[in-house]
Amino acid sequence: MAHTLGRHIALIGFMGAGKTTLGAKAAERLGRPFLDLDRELEKSVGRSLPRIFEELGEAQFRVLEAEKTLEALSDGPPAVLSLGGGVVTSPQVRSALREDALTVLIDVDAETAWARTRDSSRPLARDETRFKALYAERQPLYGECADAVTRDLDGVVLAASGIQLEEGSIARLDELVPPGDRELVADATVLGLHGIPLEAPVHALRGREDAKSLGAVERIWRELRLGRDGMIVAFGGGCTTDAAGFAAATYLRGVPWVALPTTLVGQVDAAIGGKTAVNLPEGKNLVGAFHWPLQTVIDPTLLETLPERERRAGMAEVVKTGLLAGEPLWELPLPELVRRCAAFKAAVCLRDPHEHGERAALNLGHTFAHALESAAGYEGLGHGQAVALGLLAALRLSGLETAAVDEVLEPRPVRVNREAAWAALARDKKARNGKTRLVLLEAPGAPVTGVELPEARVRAALDELIAD
């Protein structure tokens, strides 16, 4: 599997790549322990690395380094591990990395690595010619071990979540999607725009919320011919990945799946984190399962064909993410916007994969949004428009400025049945003992979950979203 639920994240790379710095930050962001194997080796031997290296020689140093690394890979809860630059020379370590970790190469060019290490006490960073020769020697070993390559923190988080985010990646799907028996569940409109992205039997779905019905999923179940080792590939927007992911979660009691989101909603939110679901007339996403995709392939160039309505729908999720992060992510250029939002959600979901705690914050604005969508019968009211209104209500109840939502999303009250909307809100999945529980903000970047307010205040906030 490509994601790291239940597995270590191992950072490899040459001297000066920044593995220790990035590893500590990644561990904090993902809520995991951090082990710097260089420091662990120093503690176990009771001497500094340069002294161990010089007193015992490189051969014995490598034996000790490999032993400590193998011990870390085979023990303890899933952690972020920063490995020594030369430990990949051990065949046993390379084998253990394949079995026990997702391995991320922290890339650095030889010139930068030399500039960072030449004045250090590292025994192998004293002669530039030898240093660069060693750099060249190790590159094939790093390439053999690496499941992903990056230079920054967001890249580590995306890799840890099984997300391959790359412009033009749609053209390399046969290389990126794991081989085997595959069947494609795709939005019919997306197929018309982009064609069939990889060779496989195709199951076409109608677009938007029509895809998220029990009837649509039942048709997928009945058409599938996969065995337990087969794989569903979902190609479309958030509704397609929700429905295909739910079909994968339930078919033969669960088969692997891969998400290929084609909309902004899908790329920054819906296809990330393993939530899958279908709708019932009584409410949105009332039937579903947590079933993490084996891999998620995100190609921002697919957004070039996105209609303005769908782009605006995605921007509602971008604004939500920016409010949760406390940063105006909606101001970034599109590829960077997608990357930052995807990495933010991925980190939250890895810290809380089954929504037992902080992941609930990602529902900011969605309690109201789902109520409005249900009252509209999932027709005539787009998800993005509903989320924009829900964010407006959440900010008002939080006592915060609504400028970001007003200016970027321009929400307008909608015509739906007030009683139907209130009934749907009361039935929201997050309600407890008949009381609605909301996600609000103490400030941008400081969400609060499980907030219970007087019924009159909540109903008044909902009423403000509904046109007379």
Protein backbone atom coordinates (compact mmCIF):
# COMPACT_ATOMS: atom_id res chain seq x y z
CA MET A 1 0.00 0.00 0.00
CA ALA A 2 1.17 3.53 -0.73
CA HIS A 3 -0.13 5.32 2.38
CA THR A 4 1.43 4.98 5.84
CA LEU A 5 -1.46 3.99 8.09
CA GLY A 6 0.25 1.48 10.38
CA ARG A 7 3.69 1.92 8.79
CA HIS A 8 6.84 3.90 9.46
CA ILE A 9 7.86 6.83 7.28
CA ALA A 10 11.59 6.55 6.57
CA LEU A 11 13.49 9.55 5.24
CA ILE A 12 16.65 8.78 3.28
CA GLY A 13 19.09 10.98 1.44
CA PHE A 14 22.66 12.22 1.21
CA MET A 15 24.47 14.31 3.79
CA GLY A 16 23.06 17.82 3.96
CA ALA A 17 19.67 16.91 2.51
CA GLY A 18 17.86 18.13 5.63
CA LYS A 19 16.41 14.80 6.74
CA THR A 20 16.59 15.59 10.46
CA THR A 21 14.97 19.01 10.13
CA LEU A 22 12.21 17.80 7.82
CA GLY A 23 11.72 14.62 9.82
CA ALA A 24 11.11 16.49 13.07
CA LYS A 25 8.63 18.81 11.36
CA ALA A 26 6.86 15.93 9.60
CA ALA A 27 6.53 13.99 12.85
CA GLU A 28 4.98 16.99 14.58
CA ARG A 29 2.59 17.60 11.70
CA LEU A 30 1.54 13.96 11.51
CA GLY A 31 1.34 13.40 15.26
CA ARG A 32 3.99 10.68 15.30
CA PRO A 33 7.17 9.94 17.25
CA PHE A 34 10.41 11.05 15.60
CA LEU A 35 13.64 9.09 15.65
CA ASP A 36 16.90 10.46 14.29
CA LEU A 37 18.90 7.27 13.80
CA ASP A 38 22.22 9.14 13.93
CA ARG A 39 21.34 10.42 17.40
CA GLU A 40 20.05 7.00 18.46
CA LEU A 41 23.35 5.45 17.44
CA GLU A 42 25.30 8.06 19.39
CA LYS A 43 23.20 7.38 22.51
CA SER A 44 23.63 3.62 22.29
CA VAL A 45 27.42 3.79 21.84
CA GLY A 46 27.98 6.79 24.08
CA ARG A 47 30.14 8.65 21.57
CA SER A 48 29.64 11.15 18.78
CA LEU A 49 29.30 9.93 15.21
CA PRO A 50 32.68 11.32 14.11
CA ARG A 51 34.38 9.53 17.02
CA ILE A 52 32.58 6.24 16.32
CA PHE A 53 33.55 6.52 12.68
CA GLU A 54 37.21 7.34 13.34
CA GLU A 55 37.79 4.93 16.26
CA LEU A 56 36.00 1.87 14.82
CA GLY A 57 36.43 2.52 11.10
CA GLU A 58 33.78 2.86 8.43
CA ALA A 59 33.09 -0.88 8.08
CA GLN A 60 32.19 -1.34 11.76
CA PHE A 61 30.33 1.98 11.77
CA ARG A 62 28.10 0.69 8.94
CA VAL A 63 27.39 -2.52 10.87
CA LEU A 64 26.27 -0.58 13.94
CA GLU A 65 24.28 1.88 11.81
CA ALA A 66 22.44 -0.95 10.05
CA GLU A 67 21.68 -2.76 13.33
CA LYS A 68 20.18 0.36 14.89
CA THR A 69 18.12 1.08 11.74
CA LEU A 70 16.79 -2.49 11.50
CA GLU A 71 15.81 -2.34 15.17
CA ALA A 72 13.87 0.90 14.62
CA LEU A 73 12.12 -0.42 11.52
CA SER A 74 10.95 -3.57 13.30
CA ASP A 75 9.86 -2.00 16.56
CA GLY A 76 7.54 0.55 18.11
CA PRO A 77 4.49 2.45 16.89
CA PRO A 78 4.53 4.00 13.40
CA ALA A 79 7.07 6.81 13.48
CA VAL A 80 9.00 9.19 11.27
CA LEU A 81 12.57 7.93 10.97
CA SER A 82 15.54 9.96 9.74
CA LEU A 83 18.12 7.47 8.45
CA GLY A 84 21.84 7.92 8.10
CA GLY A 85 23.00 8.89 4.64
CA GLY A 86 24.99 5.69 4.04
CA VAL A 87 22.70 3.11 5.62
CA VAL A 88 21.20 2.26 2.22
CA THR A 89 24.47 0.47 1.38
CA SER A 90 23.19 -2.37 3.59
CA PRO A 91 21.14 -4.95 1.62
CA GLN A 92 19.34 -5.92 4.84
CA VAL A 93 18.25 -2.33 5.41
CA ARG A 94 17.07 -1.96 1.81
CA SER A 95 14.98 -5.11 2.20
CA ALA A 96 13.52 -3.94 5.53
CA LEU A 97 12.60 -0.59 4.03
CA ARG A 98 10.57 -2.34 1.35
CA GLU A 99 8.75 -4.41 3.96
CA ASP A 100 8.26 -2.07 6.89
CA ALA A 101 8.18 1.56 5.73
CA LEU A 102 7.20 4.05 3.13
CA THR A 103 10.56 5.47 2.10
CA VAL A 104 10.88 9.10 1.05
CA LEU A 105 14.06 10.39 -0.56
CA ILE A 106 14.86 13.94 0.54
CA ASP A 107 16.45 15.17 -2.65
CA VAL A 108 19.43 17.51 -2.69
CA ASP A 109 21.93 18.32 -5.43
CA ALA A 110 25.63 17.70 -4.87
CA GLU A 111 26.58 21.39 -4.81
CA THR A 112 24.01 22.25 -2.16
CA ALA A 113 24.93 19.21 -0.07
CA TRP A 114 28.63 20.17 -0.16
CA ALA A 115 27.89 23.79 0.75
CA ARG A 116 25.89 22.65 3.78
CA THR A 117 28.39 20.09 5.10
CA ARG A 118 31.91 21.18 4.12
CA ASP A 119 32.51 23.03 7.40
CA SER A 120 31.00 20.29 9.57
CA SER A 121 32.71 17.52 11.52
CA ARG A 122 31.44 14.80 9.16
CA PRO A 123 34.33 12.45 8.29
CA LEU A 124 33.17 12.03 4.69
CA ALA A 125 32.73 15.76 4.05
CA ARG A 126 36.40 16.81 4.09
CA ASP A 127 37.33 16.46 0.43
CA GLU A 128 35.02 17.89 -2.24
CA THR A 129 36.08 15.49 -5.00
CA ARG A 130 35.57 12.40 -2.83
CA PHE A 131 32.33 13.86 -1.45
CA LYS A 132 30.82 14.31 -4.93
CA ALA A 133 32.02 10.89 -6.06
CA LEU A 134 30.29 9.34 -3.04
CA TYR A 135 27.15 11.33 -3.87
CA ALA A 136 27.14 9.83 -7.38
CA GLU A 137 27.74 6.30 -6.04
CA ARG A 138 24.77 6.43 -3.69
CA GLN A 139 22.17 7.85 -6.06
CA PRO A 140 21.21 4.44 -7.55
CA LEU A 141 20.74 3.01 -4.05
CA TYR A 142 18.52 5.92 -3.03
CA GLY A 143 16.52 5.44 -6.22
CA GLU A 144 16.12 1.72 -5.51
CA CYS A 145 14.73 2.38 -2.03
CA ALA A 146 12.58 5.47 -2.60
CA ASP A 147 8.80 5.23 -2.85
CA ALA A 148 8.66 9.02 -3.29
CA VAL A 149 11.04 11.94 -3.79
CA THR A 150 10.62 15.45 -2.39
CA ARG A 151 12.48 18.46 -1.03
CA ASP A 152 9.90 19.94 1.34
CA LEU A 153 7.53 19.21 4.21
CA ASP A 154 4.33 19.18 2.14
CA GLY A 155 5.97 16.61 -0.13
CA VAL A 156 6.67 14.32 2.83
CA VAL A 157 3.05 14.64 4.03
CA LEU A 158 1.63 13.95 0.57
CA ALA A 159 3.87 10.90 0.15
CA ALA A 160 2.85 9.63 3.60
CA SER A 161 -0.79 9.84 2.49
CA GLY A 162 -0.21 7.93 -0.74
CA ILE A 163 -0.75 11.04 -2.85
CA GLN A 164 1.10 11.46 -6.13
CA LEU A 165 0.61 15.13 -7.08
CA GLU A 166 2.20 16.02 -10.39
CA GLU A 167 1.17 18.05 -13.41
CA GLY A 168 0.79 15.75 -16.41
CA SER A 169 0.54 12.59 -14.31
CA ILE A 170 -2.65 11.54 -16.14
CA ALA A 171 -0.40 10.55 -19.06
CA ARG A 172 1.57 8.17 -16.80
CA LEU A 173 -1.27 6.31 -15.11
CA ASP A 174 -0.21 2.88 -16.32
CA GLU A 175 3.12 3.52 -14.57
CA LEU A 176 1.67 5.15 -11.44
CA VAL A 177 -1.34 2.91 -10.72
CA PRO A 178 -0.33 -0.48 -9.27
CA PRO A 179 -0.54 -3.28 -11.84
CA GLY A 180 -3.09 -6.07 -11.70
CA ASP A 181 -6.76 -6.65 -12.39
CA ARG A 182 -8.32 -3.16 -12.62
CA GLU A 183 -11.79 -1.82 -13.40
CA LEU A 184 -12.53 1.86 -13.98
CA VAL A 185 -15.49 3.68 -12.41
CA ALA A 186 -15.71 7.05 -14.13
CA ASP A 187 -17.86 10.13 -14.56
CA ALA A 188 -19.38 9.92 -18.05
CA THR A 189 -18.73 13.61 -18.72
CA VAL A 190 -15.10 13.29 -17.66
CA LEU A 191 -14.67 10.34 -20.02
CA GLY A 192 -15.97 12.52 -22.83
CA LEU A 193 -13.46 15.26 -22.00
CA HIS A 194 -10.36 13.20 -21.27
CA GLY A 195 -10.98 9.74 -22.67
CA ILE A 196 -10.27 6.47 -20.89
CA PRO A 197 -7.08 7.08 -18.85
CA LEU A 198 -5.91 3.46 -18.67
CA GLU A 199 -6.83 0.14 -20.21
CA ALA A 200 -9.57 -1.45 -18.09
CA PRO A 201 -13.30 -2.29 -18.19
CA VAL A 202 -15.29 0.93 -17.71
CA HIS A 203 -18.35 1.58 -15.54
CA ALA A 204 -19.74 5.04 -16.32
CA LEU A 205 -21.61 7.09 -13.73
CA ARG A 206 -23.77 10.15 -14.16
CA GLY A 207 -22.20 13.28 -12.76
CA ARG A 208 -22.60 15.06 -9.44
CA GLU A 209 -24.93 13.78 -6.71
CA ASP A 210 -26.68 11.32 -9.05
CA ALA A 211 -23.57 9.15 -8.69
CA LYS A 212 -24.02 8.98 -4.91
CA SER A 213 -27.17 6.89 -4.79
CA LEU A 214 -27.61 3.33 -3.62
CA GLY A 215 -28.99 2.53 -7.06
CA ALA A 216 -25.84 3.73 -8.82
CA VAL A 217 -23.60 1.81 -6.42
CA GLU A 218 -25.73 -1.32 -6.73
CA ARG A 219 -25.21 -1.21 -10.50
CA ILE A 220 -21.44 -1.02 -9.96
CA TRP A 221 -21.55 -3.99 -7.56
CA ARG A 222 -23.50 -6.07 -10.07
CA GLU A 223 -21.24 -5.19 -13.02
CA LEU A 224 -17.89 -5.73 -11.30
CA ARG A 225 -15.96 -8.90 -12.16
CA LEU A 226 -13.00 -8.33 -9.85
CA GLY A 227 -11.53 -10.90 -7.51
CA ARG A 228 -10.29 -10.02 -4.03
CA ASP A 229 -6.92 -9.05 -5.46
CA GLY A 230 -8.53 -6.73 -8.03
CA MET A 231 -8.72 -2.95 -7.83
CA ILE A 232 -11.28 -0.21 -8.55
CA VAL A 233 -9.92 2.98 -10.14
CA ALA A 234 -12.16 6.04 -9.64
CA PHE A 235 -11.91 8.75 -12.30
CA GLY A 236 -14.01 11.85 -11.75
CA GLY A 237 -15.05 14.43 -9.19
CA GLY A 238 -15.82 14.08 -5.51
CA CYS A 239 -19.16 12.36 -6.08
CA THR A 240 -17.51 9.76 -8.31
CA THR A 241 -14.71 9.02 -5.86
CA ASP A 242 -17.21 8.88 -2.97
CA ALA A 243 -19.39 6.35 -4.80
CA ALA A 244 -16.54 4.29 -6.27
CA GLY A 245 -14.74 4.25 -2.93
CA PHE A 246 -17.89 3.05 -1.17
CA ALA A 247 -18.34 0.35 -3.80
CA ALA A 248 -14.73 -0.71 -3.19
CA ALA A 249 -15.24 -0.71 0.59
CA THR A 250 -18.20 -3.07 0.35
CA TYR A 251 -17.63 -5.27 -2.71
CA LEU A 252 -16.35 -8.70 -1.57
CA ARG A 253 -16.11 -7.07 1.89
CA GLY A 254 -13.53 -4.65 0.56
CA VAL A 255 -11.17 -4.42 -2.41
CA PRO A 256 -8.38 -1.86 -2.97
CA TRP A 257 -9.08 1.30 -4.91
CA VAL A 258 -7.21 4.22 -6.44
CA ALA A 259 -8.59 7.76 -6.69
CA LEU A 260 -8.00 9.96 -9.75
CA PRO A 261 -9.86 13.18 -8.88
CA THR A 262 -10.62 15.51 -11.78
CA THR A 263 -12.30 18.44 -10.02
CA LEU A 264 -11.01 21.05 -7.60
CA VAL A 265 -13.32 19.67 -4.88
CA GLY A 266 -11.87 16.23 -5.42
CA GLN A 267 -8.23 17.30 -5.58
CA VAL A 268 -8.24 19.45 -2.44
CA ASP A 269 -10.75 17.54 -0.35
CA ALA A 270 -13.09 14.72 -1.38
CA ALA A 271 -10.57 12.19 -2.70
CA ILE A 272 -8.26 12.53 0.31
CA GLY A 273 -8.54 10.69 3.61
CA GLY A 274 -10.61 7.59 2.94
CA LYS A 275 -14.15 8.82 3.58
CA THR A 276 -16.60 7.19 1.16
CA ALA A 277 -20.38 7.50 1.16
CA VAL A 278 -23.71 7.67 -0.61
CA ASN A 279 -26.75 9.82 0.11
CA LEU A 280 -30.22 8.95 1.36
CA PRO A 281 -33.30 11.12 0.85
CA GLU A 282 -33.15 11.87 4.59
CA GLY A 283 -29.62 13.27 4.48
CA LYS A 284 -26.26 13.47 2.79
CA ASN A 285 -23.54 10.86 3.32
CA LEU A 286 -25.64 8.87 5.79
CA VAL A 287 -24.35 5.54 4.45
CA GLY A 288 -20.61 5.15 4.08
CA ALA A 289 -17.33 3.69 5.23
CA PHE A 290 -13.75 4.67 5.94
CA HIS A 291 -11.76 2.97 3.18
CA TRP A 292 -8.46 4.67 2.37
CA PRO A 293 -7.46 4.59 -1.28
CA LEU A 294 -4.36 2.59 -1.98
CA GLN A 295 -3.15 5.65 -3.84
CA THR A 296 -4.42 9.04 -4.99
CA VAL A 297 -3.09 10.52 -8.22
CA ILE A 298 -3.69 14.27 -8.56
CA ASP A 299 -3.01 16.05 -11.84
CA PRO A 300 -3.85 19.79 -11.62
CA THR A 301 -3.83 20.09 -15.43
CA LEU A 302 -7.15 18.20 -15.46
CA LEU A 303 -8.71 21.33 -13.95
CA GLU A 304 -8.20 23.23 -17.22
CA THR A 305 -11.49 21.80 -18.56
CA LEU A 306 -13.41 22.55 -15.35
CA PRO A 307 -16.54 24.68 -15.81
CA GLU A 308 -16.72 27.88 -13.77
CA ARG A 309 -19.51 26.43 -11.61
CA GLU A 310 -17.31 23.50 -10.61
CA ARG A 311 -14.26 25.71 -10.05
CA ARG A 312 -16.31 27.87 -7.67
CA ALA A 313 -17.54 24.74 -5.89
CA GLY A 314 -13.94 23.73 -5.31
CA MET A 315 -13.01 27.20 -4.08
CA ALA A 316 -15.51 26.77 -1.24
CA GLU A 317 -13.40 23.86 0.05
CA VAL A 318 -10.24 25.92 -0.51
CA VAL A 319 -11.63 28.79 1.58
CA LYS A 320 -12.65 26.29 4.26
CA THR A 321 -9.13 24.86 4.32
CA GLY A 322 -7.60 28.33 4.48
CA LEU A 323 -9.82 29.27 7.43
CA LEU A 324 -8.81 26.08 9.25
CA ALA A 325 -5.12 26.64 8.46
CA GLY A 326 -5.25 30.35 9.25
CA GLU A 327 -3.74 31.22 5.86
CA PRO A 328 -5.29 32.81 2.72
CA LEU A 329 -4.65 29.73 0.61
CA TRP A 330 -7.28 30.90 -1.88
CA GLU A 331 -4.82 33.61 -3.05
CA LEU A 332 -2.21 31.11 -4.31
CA PRO A 333 -1.71 30.11 -7.97
CA LEU A 334 -3.80 27.05 -8.81
CA PRO A 335 -1.12 24.29 -8.74
CA GLU A 336 0.32 25.56 -5.44
CA LEU A 337 -3.18 26.05 -4.04
CA VAL A 338 -4.02 22.41 -4.80
CA ARG A 339 -0.76 21.18 -3.28
CA ARG A 340 -1.07 23.18 -0.05
CA CYS A 341 -4.73 22.28 0.50
CA ALA A 342 -4.17 18.60 -0.26
CA ALA A 343 -1.23 18.44 2.13
CA PHE A 344 -3.20 20.19 4.89
CA LYS A 345 -6.11 17.76 4.68
CA ALA A 346 -3.80 14.77 4.31
CA ALA A 347 -1.97 15.65 7.53
CA VAL A 348 -5.20 16.04 9.50
CA CYS A 349 -6.51 12.71 8.21
CA LEU A 350 -3.30 10.85 9.01
CA ARG A 351 -3.40 12.22 12.56
CA ASP A 352 -7.03 11.13 12.93
CA PRO A 353 -7.80 8.56 10.21
CA HIS A 354 -11.26 7.55 11.46
CA GLU A 355 -12.52 10.90 12.80
CA HIS A 356 -12.29 10.20 16.49
CA GLY A 357 -11.04 13.72 17.23
CA GLU A 358 -9.63 16.69 15.37
CA ARG A 359 -10.58 15.48 11.89
CA ALA A 360 -14.11 16.65 12.68
CA ALA A 361 -12.81 20.19 12.13
CA LEU A 362 -12.83 19.48 8.39
CA ASN A 363 -16.64 19.65 8.62
CA LEU A 364 -16.49 23.43 9.09
CA GLY A 365 -19.62 24.80 7.40
CA HIS A 366 -20.75 21.38 6.25
CA THR A 367 -23.49 20.78 8.82
CA PHE A 368 -25.46 23.68 7.34
CA ALA A 369 -24.39 22.82 3.78
CA HIS A 370 -25.62 19.24 3.97
CA ALA A 371 -28.93 20.37 5.44
CA LEU A 372 -29.49 22.79 2.56
CA GLU A 373 -28.52 20.17 -0.04
CA SER A 374 -30.93 17.65 1.49
CA ALA A 375 -33.75 20.20 1.57
CA ALA A 376 -33.08 20.93 -2.11
CA GLY A 377 -33.37 17.24 -2.95
CA TYR A 378 -29.77 17.36 -4.24
CA GLU A 379 -31.01 19.29 -7.27
CA GLY A 380 -30.41 22.91 -8.24
CA LEU A 381 -28.06 23.61 -5.34
CA GLY A 382 -24.43 22.78 -5.95
CA HIS A 383 -22.24 21.45 -3.16
CA GLY A 384 -19.90 24.44 -3.43
CA GLN A 385 -22.76 26.92 -3.14
CA ALA A 386 -24.06 25.05 -0.11
CA VAL A 387 -20.62 24.96 1.56
CA ALA A 388 -20.17 28.69 0.93
CA LEU A 389 -23.44 29.36 2.76
CA GLY A 390 -22.45 26.94 5.53
CA LEU A 391 -19.14 28.74 6.02
CA LEU A 392 -21.01 32.02 6.23
CA ALA A 393 -23.19 30.63 9.02
CA ALA A 394 -20.20 29.15 10.86
CA LEU A 395 -18.30 32.44 10.77
CA ARG A 396 -21.33 34.40 11.95
CA LEU A 397 -21.88 32.00 14.87
CA SER A 398 -18.15 32.26 15.65
CA GLY A 399 -18.39 36.06 15.78
CA LEU A 400 -15.76 36.43 13.05
CA GLU A 401 -15.48 38.52 9.90
CA THR A 402 -17.03 36.94 6.80
CA ALA A 403 -15.03 38.91 4.22
CA ALA A 404 -13.11 35.91 2.82
CA VAL A 405 -16.34 34.01 2.14
CA ASP A 406 -18.21 37.08 0.85
CA GLU A 407 -15.46 38.22 -1.51
CA VAL A 408 -14.18 34.89 -2.85
CA LEU A 409 -17.40 32.84 -2.93
CA GLU A 410 -20.18 35.48 -3.08
CA PRO A 411 -22.86 33.26 -1.50
CA ARG A 412 -26.53 34.16 -1.88
CA PRO A 413 -29.50 32.82 0.10
CA VAL A 414 -31.23 29.90 -1.58
CA ARG A 415 -34.85 28.88 -1.89
CA VAL A 416 -35.44 25.61 -0.05
CA ASN A 417 -38.06 24.39 2.37
CA ARG A 418 -37.09 25.70 5.82
CA GLU A 419 -38.64 22.81 7.73
CA ALA A 420 -36.98 20.23 5.52
CA ALA A 421 -33.63 21.95 6.01
CA TRP A 422 -34.07 22.04 9.77
CA ALA A 423 -35.08 18.37 9.88
CA ALA A 424 -32.00 17.43 7.86
CA LEU A 425 -29.73 19.51 10.09
CA ALA A 426 -31.15 17.84 13.19
CA ARG A 427 -30.36 14.45 11.68
CA ASP A 428 -26.76 15.34 10.89
CA LYS A 429 -24.27 12.56 11.66
CA LYS A 430 -22.48 14.71 14.23
CA ALA A 431 -25.61 15.35 16.31
CA ARG A 432 -25.68 13.83 19.81
CA ASN A 433 -28.80 13.19 21.89
CA GLY A 434 -30.83 15.28 19.48
CA LYS A 435 -28.50 18.27 19.77
CA THR A 436 -26.67 19.70 16.79
CA ARG A 437 -22.89 19.85 17.25
CA LEU A 438 -21.03 22.39 15.16
CA VAL A 439 -17.52 23.20 14.08
CA LEU A 440 -16.73 26.85 14.77
CA LEU A 441 -13.59 29.00 14.94
CA GLU A 442 -12.10 30.81 17.89
CA ALA A 443 -9.98 32.55 15.25
CA PRO A 444 -8.71 31.67 11.78
CA GLY A 445 -6.47 28.64 12.30
CA ALA A 446 -8.13 27.74 15.63
CA PRO A 447 -11.14 25.46 15.04
CA VAL A 448 -13.34 24.15 17.85
CA THR A 449 -15.37 20.97 17.35
CA GLY A 450 -18.49 19.62 19.04
CA VAL A 451 -19.91 23.06 19.86
CA GLU A 452 -23.50 23.00 21.10
CA LEU A 453 -25.45 26.24 20.89
CA PRO A 454 -29.04 27.10 21.83
CA GLU A 455 -31.42 25.72 19.25
CA ALA A 456 -32.83 29.19 18.54
CA ARG A 457 -29.38 30.52 17.54
CA VAL A 458 -28.66 27.61 15.25
CA ARG A 459 -32.08 27.83 13.61
CA ALA A 460 -31.71 31.58 13.15
CA ALA A 461 -28.34 31.05 11.46
CA LEU A 462 -29.90 28.47 9.13
CA ASP A 463 -32.85 30.78 8.36
CA GLU A 464 -30.46 33.52 7.24
CA LEU A 465 -29.21 31.23 4.51
CA ILE A 466 -32.69 30.64 3.06
CA ALA A 467 -34.39 33.11 0.75
CA ASP A 468 -38.00 34.14 1.43
